[in-house]
Amino acid sequence: MAEQADKRADLDLQVSLLKEHEVTRLITLVKEIAEKLDVDGSRHPELPGLQKDVAPERVLDALEENQRRISNGG
């Protein structure tokens, strides 16, 4: 059961990272359309941060580091 849970967790992480990548691309596309149409919201200060792709390897490294801390007692 633990092995199945690990596989499900891995699959869930992969799906989440894929969704994050797709949403990032959509944000970029919608922002470009909004800029072309001169929509005020296209200059929102949060957009550059939202357009940055999440690096899967950094996410995995952070998860592994967090797991090591938990395993070592905090």
PDB file of N, CA and C in Angstrom:
ATOM      1  N   MET A   1       0.827  -1.200   0.000  1.00  0.00           N
ATOM      2  CA  MET A   1       0.000   0.000   0.000  1.00  0.00           C
ATOM      3  C   MET A   1       0.864   1.255   0.000  1.00  0.00           C
ATOM      4  N   ALA A   2       1.973   1.214   0.754  1.00  0.00           N
ATOM      5  CA  ALA A   2       2.861   2.372   0.813  1.00  0.00           C
ATOM      6  C   ALA A   2       3.473   2.648  -0.555  1.00  0.00           C
ATOM      7  N   GLU A   3       3.805   1.576  -1.271  1.00  0.00           N
ATOM      8  CA  GLU A   3       4.379   1.740  -2.612  1.00  0.00           C
ATOM      9  C   GLU A   3       3.366   2.381  -3.563  1.00  0.00           C
ATOM     10  N   GLN A   4       2.106   1.952  -3.464  1.00  0.00           N
ATOM     11  CA  GLN A   4       1.057   2.554  -4.291  1.00  0.00           C
ATOM     12  C   GLN A   4       0.863   4.019  -3.937  1.00  0.00           C
ATOM     13  N   ALA A   5       0.903   4.331  -2.666  1.00  0.00           N
ATOM     14  CA  ALA A   5       0.757   5.726  -2.233  1.00  0.00           C
ATOM     15  C   ALA A   5       1.899   6.574  -2.773  1.00  0.00           C
ATOM     16  N   ASP A   6       3.113   6.033  -2.763  1.00  0.00           N
ATOM     17  CA  ASP A   6       4.261   6.757  -3.312  1.00  0.00           C
ATOM     18  C   ASP A   6       4.098   6.996  -4.807  1.00  0.00           C
ATOM     19  N   LYS A   7       3.622   5.968  -5.520  1.00  0.00           N
ATOM     20  CA  LYS A   7       3.407   6.118  -6.964  1.00  0.00           C
ATOM     21  C   LYS A   7       2.334   7.161  -7.244  1.00  0.00           C
ATOM     22  N   ARG A   8       1.270   7.145  -6.460  1.00  0.00           N
ATOM     23  CA  ARG A   8       0.209   8.138  -6.633  1.00  0.00           C
ATOM     24  C   ARG A   8       0.727   9.547  -6.358  1.00  0.00           C
ATOM     25  N   ALA A   9       1.532   9.672  -5.315  1.00  0.00           N
ATOM     26  CA  ALA A   9       2.101  10.977  -4.967  1.00  0.00           C
ATOM     27  C   ALA A   9       3.019  11.474  -6.081  1.00  0.00           C
ATOM     28  N   ASP A  10       3.825  10.583  -6.646  1.00  0.00           N
ATOM     29  CA  ASP A  10       4.704  10.960  -7.755  1.00  0.00           C
ATOM     30  C   ASP A  10       3.895  11.396  -8.971  1.00  0.00           C
ATOM     31  N   LEU A  11       2.867  10.641  -9.283  1.00  0.00           N
ATOM     32  CA  LEU A  11       2.018  10.987 -10.414  1.00  0.00           C
ATOM     33  C   LEU A  11       1.315  12.316 -10.171  1.00  0.00           C
ATOM     34  N   ASP A  12       0.820  12.521  -8.967  1.00  0.00           N
ATOM     35  CA  ASP A  12       0.159  13.775  -8.623  1.00  0.00           C
ATOM     36  C   ASP A  12       1.112  14.954  -8.783  1.00  0.00           C
ATOM     37  N   LEU A  13       2.357  14.788  -8.354  1.00  0.00           N
ATOM     38  CA  LEU A  13       3.358  15.843  -8.503  1.00  0.00           C
ATOM     39  C   LEU A  13       3.617  16.134  -9.974  1.00  0.00           C
ATOM     40  N   GLN A  14       3.750  15.091 -10.782  1.00  0.00           N
ATOM     41  CA  GLN A  14       3.989  15.283 -12.212  1.00  0.00           C
ATOM     42  C   GLN A  14       2.833  16.013 -12.878  1.00  0.00           C
ATOM     43  N   VAL A  15       1.627  15.637 -12.532  1.00  0.00           N
ATOM     44  CA  VAL A  15       0.441  16.296 -13.096  1.00  0.00           C
ATOM     45  C   VAL A  15       0.393  17.759 -12.648  1.00  0.00           C
ATOM     46  N   SER A  16       0.690  18.012 -11.396  1.00  0.00           N
ATOM     47  CA  SER A  16       0.680  19.383 -10.881  1.00  0.00           C
ATOM     48  C   SER A  16       1.724  20.247 -11.581  1.00  0.00           C
ATOM     49  N   LEU A  17       2.910  19.696 -11.800  1.00  0.00           N
ATOM     50  CA  LEU A  17       3.952  20.448 -12.498  1.00  0.00           C
ATOM     51  C   LEU A  17       3.565  20.720 -13.952  1.00  0.00           C
ATOM     52  N   LEU A  18       2.935  19.750 -14.592  1.00  0.00           N
ATOM     53  CA  LEU A  18       2.471  19.948 -15.957  1.00  0.00           C
ATOM     54  C   LEU A  18       1.395  21.029 -16.004  1.00  0.00           C
ATOM     55  N   LYS A  19       0.457  20.983 -15.061  1.00  0.00           N
ATOM     56  CA  LYS A  19      -0.597  22.003 -15.008  1.00  0.00           C
ATOM     57  C   LYS A  19       0.002  23.383 -14.780  1.00  0.00           C
ATOM     58  N   GLU A  20       0.982  23.456 -13.897  1.00  0.00           N
ATOM     59  CA  GLU A  20       1.647  24.730 -13.617  1.00  0.00           C
ATOM     60  C   GLU A  20       2.301  25.284 -14.886  1.00  0.00           C
ATOM     61  N   HIS A  21       2.955  24.419 -15.637  1.00  0.00           N
ATOM     62  CA  HIS A  21       3.595  24.829 -16.886  1.00  0.00           C
ATOM     63  C   HIS A  21       2.552  25.346 -17.880  1.00  0.00           C
ATOM     64  N   GLU A  22       1.454  24.623 -18.006  1.00  0.00           N
ATOM     65  CA  GLU A  22       0.402  25.025 -18.940  1.00  0.00           C
ATOM     66  C   GLU A  22      -0.237  26.351 -18.532  1.00  0.00           C
ATOM     67  N   VAL A  23      -0.486  26.531 -17.262  1.00  0.00           N
ATOM     68  CA  VAL A  23      -1.081  27.783 -16.781  1.00  0.00           C
ATOM     69  C   VAL A  23      -0.128  28.949 -17.027  1.00  0.00           C
ATOM     70  N   THR A  24       1.157  28.716 -16.815  1.00  0.00           N
ATOM     71  CA  THR A  24       2.158  29.753 -17.071  1.00  0.00           C
ATOM     72  C   THR A  24       2.118  30.170 -18.531  1.00  0.00           C
ATOM     73  N   ARG A  25       2.034  29.206 -19.431  1.00  0.00           N
ATOM     74  CA  ARG A  25       1.963  29.527 -20.862  1.00  0.00           C
ATOM     75  C   ARG A  25       0.683  30.300 -21.186  1.00  0.00           C
ATOM     76  N   LEU A  26      -0.420  29.909 -20.581  1.00  0.00           N
ATOM     77  CA  LEU A  26      -1.682  30.612 -20.818  1.00  0.00           C
ATOM     78  C   LEU A  26      -1.617  32.057 -20.314  1.00  0.00           C
ATOM     79  N   ILE A  27      -1.007  32.261 -19.154  1.00  0.00           N
ATOM     80  CA  ILE A  27      -0.861  33.611 -18.614  1.00  0.00           C
ATOM     81  C   ILE A  27      -0.062  34.470 -19.592  1.00  0.00           C
ATOM     82  N   THR A  28       1.021  33.907 -20.112  1.00  0.00           N
ATOM     83  CA  THR A  28       1.853  34.643 -21.065  1.00  0.00           C
ATOM     84  C   THR A  28       1.056  35.002 -22.315  1.00  0.00           C
ATOM     85  N   LEU A  29       0.318  34.050 -22.840  1.00  0.00           N
ATOM     86  CA  LEU A  29      -0.479  34.288 -24.040  1.00  0.00           C
ATOM     87  C   LEU A  29      -1.557  35.338 -23.799  1.00  0.00           C
ATOM     88  N   VAL A  30      -2.282  35.219 -22.711  1.00  0.00           N
ATOM     89  CA  VAL A  30      -3.354  36.177 -22.405  1.00  0.00           C
ATOM     90  C   VAL A  30      -2.774  37.571 -22.165  1.00  0.00           C
ATOM     91  N   LYS A  31      -1.627  37.649 -21.507  1.00  0.00           N
ATOM     92  CA  LYS A  31      -0.983  38.947 -21.276  1.00  0.00           C
ATOM     93  C   LYS A  31      -0.604  39.596 -22.605  1.00  0.00           C
ATOM     94  N   GLU A  32      -0.055  38.801 -23.523  1.00  0.00           N
ATOM     95  CA  GLU A  32       0.305  39.344 -24.831  1.00  0.00           C
ATOM     96  C   GLU A  32      -0.921  39.854 -25.581  1.00  0.00           C
ATOM     97  N   ILE A  33      -2.014  39.122 -25.516  1.00  0.00           N
ATOM     98  CA  ILE A  33      -3.262  39.553 -26.151  1.00  0.00           C
ATOM     99  C   ILE A  33      -3.753  40.850 -25.497  1.00  0.00           C
ATOM    100  N   ALA A  34      -3.722  40.882 -24.166  1.00  0.00           N
ATOM    101  CA  ALA A  34      -4.182  42.074 -23.436  1.00  0.00           C
ATOM    102  C   ALA A  34      -3.318  43.289 -23.767  1.00  0.00           C
ATOM    103  N   GLU A  35      -2.010  43.089 -23.910  1.00  0.00           N
ATOM    104  CA  GLU A  35      -1.134  44.205 -24.272  1.00  0.00           C
ATOM    105  C   GLU A  35      -1.476  44.721 -25.666  1.00  0.00           C
ATOM    106  N   LYS A  36      -1.722  43.797 -26.583  1.00  0.00           N
ATOM    107  CA  LYS A  36      -2.054  44.188 -27.955  1.00  0.00           C
ATOM    108  C   LYS A  36      -3.364  44.982 -28.002  1.00  0.00           C
ATOM    109  N   LEU A  37      -4.298  44.624 -27.118  1.00  0.00           N
ATOM    110  CA  LEU A  37      -5.592  45.313 -27.062  1.00  0.00           C
ATOM    111  C   LEU A  37      -5.569  46.509 -26.110  1.00  0.00           C
ATOM    112  N   ASP A  38      -4.408  46.781 -25.521  1.00  0.00           N
ATOM    113  CA  ASP A  38      -4.206  47.883 -24.587  1.00  0.00           C
ATOM    114  C   ASP A  38      -5.154  47.814 -23.384  1.00  0.00           C
ATOM    115  N   VAL A  39      -5.269  46.636 -22.812  1.00  0.00           N
ATOM    116  CA  VAL A  39      -6.079  46.411 -21.619  1.00  0.00           C
ATOM    117  C   VAL A  39      -5.241  46.781 -20.397  1.00  0.00           C
ATOM    118  N   ASP A  40      -5.819  47.562 -19.481  1.00  0.00           N
ATOM    119  CA  ASP A  40      -5.072  48.026 -18.303  1.00  0.00           C
ATOM    120  C   ASP A  40      -4.471  46.880 -17.494  1.00  0.00           C
ATOM    121  N   GLY A  41      -5.188  45.805 -17.341  1.00  0.00           N
ATOM    122  CA  GLY A  41      -4.723  44.689 -16.530  1.00  0.00           C
ATOM    123  C   GLY A  41      -3.463  44.029 -17.054  1.00  0.00           C
ATOM    124  N   SER A  42      -3.093  44.305 -18.282  1.00  0.00           N
ATOM    125  CA  SER A  42      -1.894  43.691 -18.862  1.00  0.00           C
ATOM    126  C   SER A  42      -0.614  44.212 -18.216  1.00  0.00           C
ATOM    127  N   ARG A  43      -0.730  45.283 -17.432  1.00  0.00           N
ATOM    128  CA  ARG A  43       0.438  45.852 -16.769  1.00  0.00           C
ATOM    129  C   ARG A  43       0.435  45.590 -15.261  1.00  0.00           C
ATOM    130  N   HIS A  44      -0.349  44.612 -14.837  1.00  0.00           N
ATOM    131  CA  HIS A  44      -0.431  44.298 -13.412  1.00  0.00           C
ATOM    132  C   HIS A  44       0.948  43.866 -12.905  1.00  0.00           C
ATOM    133  N   PRO A  45       1.390  44.375 -11.759  1.00  0.00           N
ATOM    134  CA  PRO A  45       2.743  44.086 -11.275  1.00  0.00           C
ATOM    135  C   PRO A  45       3.018  42.616 -10.919  1.00  0.00           C
ATOM    136  N   GLU A  46       1.983  41.822 -10.704  1.00  0.00           N
ATOM    137  CA  GLU A  46       2.198  40.402 -10.377  1.00  0.00           C
ATOM    138  C   GLU A  46       2.471  39.536 -11.611  1.00  0.00           C
ATOM    139  N   LEU A  47       2.118  40.031 -12.785  1.00  0.00           N
ATOM    140  CA  LEU A  47       2.208  39.196 -13.987  1.00  0.00           C
ATOM    141  C   LEU A  47       3.615  38.687 -14.304  1.00  0.00           C
ATOM    142  N   PRO A  48       4.661  39.492 -14.196  1.00  0.00           N
ATOM    143  CA  PRO A  48       5.991  38.929 -14.496  1.00  0.00           C
ATOM    144  C   PRO A  48       6.341  37.724 -13.616  1.00  0.00           C
ATOM    145  N   GLY A  49       5.974  37.760 -12.367  1.00  0.00           N
ATOM    146  CA  GLY A  49       6.229  36.625 -11.485  1.00  0.00           C
ATOM    147  C   GLY A  49       5.406  35.409 -11.862  1.00  0.00           C
ATOM    148  N   LEU A  50       4.176  35.636 -12.283  1.00  0.00           N
ATOM    149  CA  LEU A  50       3.306  34.530 -12.681  1.00  0.00           C
ATOM    150  C   LEU A  50       3.733  33.908 -14.001  1.00  0.00           C
ATOM    151  N   GLN A  51       4.473  34.664 -14.804  1.00  0.00           N
ATOM    152  CA  GLN A  51       4.919  34.160 -16.100  1.00  0.00           C
ATOM    153  C   GLN A  51       6.179  33.310 -15.994  1.00  0.00           C
ATOM    154  N   LYS A  52       6.797  33.256 -14.828  1.00  0.00           N
ATOM    155  CA  LYS A  52       8.021  32.469 -14.668  1.00  0.00           C
ATOM    156  C   LYS A  52       7.672  30.994 -14.535  1.00  0.00           C
ATOM    157  N   ASP A  53       8.361  30.188 -15.328  1.00  0.00           N
ATOM    158  CA  ASP A  53       8.160  28.741 -15.259  1.00  0.00           C
ATOM    159  C   ASP A  53       8.722  28.184 -13.957  1.00  0.00           C
ATOM    160  N   VAL A  54       8.039  27.225 -13.413  1.00  0.00           N
ATOM    161  CA  VAL A  54       8.536  26.525 -12.229  1.00  0.00           C
ATOM    162  C   VAL A  54       9.521  25.471 -12.715  1.00  0.00           C
ATOM    163  N   ALA A  55      10.701  25.446 -12.117  1.00  0.00           N
ATOM    164  CA  ALA A  55      11.709  24.451 -12.482  1.00  0.00           C
ATOM    165  C   ALA A  55      11.435  23.168 -11.698  1.00  0.00           C
ATOM    166  N   PRO A  56      11.022  22.095 -12.378  1.00  0.00           N
ATOM    167  CA  PRO A  56      10.692  20.850 -11.666  1.00  0.00           C
ATOM    168  C   PRO A  56      11.827  20.336 -10.791  1.00  0.00           C
ATOM    169  N   GLU A  57      13.057  20.472 -11.269  1.00  0.00           N
ATOM    170  CA  GLU A  57      14.176  19.969 -10.474  1.00  0.00           C
ATOM    171  C   GLU A  57      14.329  20.739  -9.166  1.00  0.00           C
ATOM    172  N   ARG A  58      14.020  22.037  -9.181  1.00  0.00           N
ATOM    173  CA  ARG A  58      14.084  22.816  -7.940  1.00  0.00           C
ATOM    174  C   ARG A  58      12.980  22.398  -6.987  1.00  0.00           C
ATOM    175  N   VAL A  59      11.811  22.107  -7.517  1.00  0.00           N
ATOM    176  CA  VAL A  59      10.702  21.644  -6.679  1.00  0.00           C
ATOM    177  C   VAL A  59      11.065  20.307  -6.037  1.00  0.00           C
ATOM    178  N   LEU A  60      11.592  19.395  -6.843  1.00  0.00           N
ATOM    179  CA  LEU A  60      11.966  18.079  -6.326  1.00  0.00           C
ATOM    180  C   LEU A  60      13.086  18.190  -5.296  1.00  0.00           C
ATOM    181  N   ASP A  61      14.070  19.054  -5.562  1.00  0.00           N
ATOM    182  CA  ASP A  61      15.157  19.257  -4.594  1.00  0.00           C
ATOM    183  C   ASP A  61      14.615  19.780  -3.273  1.00  0.00           C
ATOM    184  N   ALA A  62      13.681  20.729  -3.337  1.00  0.00           N
ATOM    185  CA  ALA A  62      13.097  21.290  -2.114  1.00  0.00           C
ATOM    186  C   ALA A  62      12.303  20.228  -1.355  1.00  0.00           C
ATOM    187  N   LEU A  63      11.558  19.392  -2.085  1.00  0.00           N
ATOM    188  CA  LEU A  63      10.801  18.321  -1.440  1.00  0.00           C
ATOM    189  C   LEU A  63      11.726  17.317  -0.765  1.00  0.00           C
ATOM    190  N   GLU A  64      12.809  16.969  -1.457  1.00  0.00           N
ATOM    191  CA  GLU A  64      13.766  16.022  -0.870  1.00  0.00           C
ATOM    192  C   GLU A  64      14.438  16.607   0.363  1.00  0.00           C
ATOM    193  N   GLU A  65      14.795  17.880   0.301  1.00  0.00           N
ATOM    194  CA  GLU A  65      15.416  18.540   1.453  1.00  0.00           C
ATOM    195  C   GLU A  65      14.448  18.578   2.627  1.00  0.00           C
ATOM    196  N   ASN A  66      13.193  18.890   2.359  1.00  0.00           N
ATOM    197  CA  ASN A  66      12.179  18.902   3.393  1.00  0.00           C
ATOM    198  C   ASN A  66      12.005  17.510   4.010  1.00  0.00           C
ATOM    199  N   GLN A  67      12.000  16.486   3.175  1.00  0.00           N
ATOM    200  CA  GLN A  67      11.873  15.114   3.656  1.00  0.00           C
ATOM    201  C   GLN A  67      13.070  14.722   4.529  1.00  0.00           C
ATOM    202  N   ARG A  68      14.279  15.149   4.140  1.00  0.00           N
ATOM    203  CA  ARG A  68      15.476  14.866   4.942  1.00  0.00           C
ATOM    204  C   ARG A  68      15.372  15.519   6.320  1.00  0.00           C
ATOM    205  N   ARG A  69      14.884  16.768   6.337  1.00  0.00           N
ATOM    206  CA  ARG A  69      14.730  17.459   7.624  1.00  0.00           C
ATOM    207  C   ARG A  69      13.731  16.737   8.521  1.00  0.00           C
ATOM    208  N   ILE A  70      12.635  16.294   7.932  1.00  0.00           N
ATOM    209  CA  ILE A  70      11.612  15.572   8.707  1.00  0.00           C
ATOM    210  C   ILE A  70      12.202  14.258   9.243  1.00  0.00           C
ATOM    211  N   SER A  71      12.936  13.567   8.390  1.00  0.00           N
ATOM    212  CA  SER A  71      13.534  12.287   8.771  1.00  0.00           C
ATOM    213  C   SER A  71      14.589  12.447   9.866  1.00  0.00           C
ATOM    214  N   ASN A  72      15.250  13.613   9.880  1.00  0.00           N
ATOM    215  CA  ASN A  72      16.302  13.861  10.878  1.00  0.00           C
ATOM    216  C   ASN A  72      15.763  14.530  12.141  1.00  0.00           C
ATOM    217  N   GLY A  73      14.474  14.597  12.272  1.00  0.00           N
ATOM    218  CA  GLY A  73      13.870  15.118  13.496  1.00  0.00           C
ATOM    219  C   GLY A  73      13.619  16.601  13.521  1.00  0.00           C
ATOM    220  N   GLY A  74      13.484  17.215  12.359  1.00  0.00           N
ATOM    221  CA  GLY A  74      13.088  18.610  12.354  1.00  0.00           C
ATOM    222  C   GLY A  74      14.035  19.466  11.702  1.00  0.00           C
TER     223      GLY A  74
END
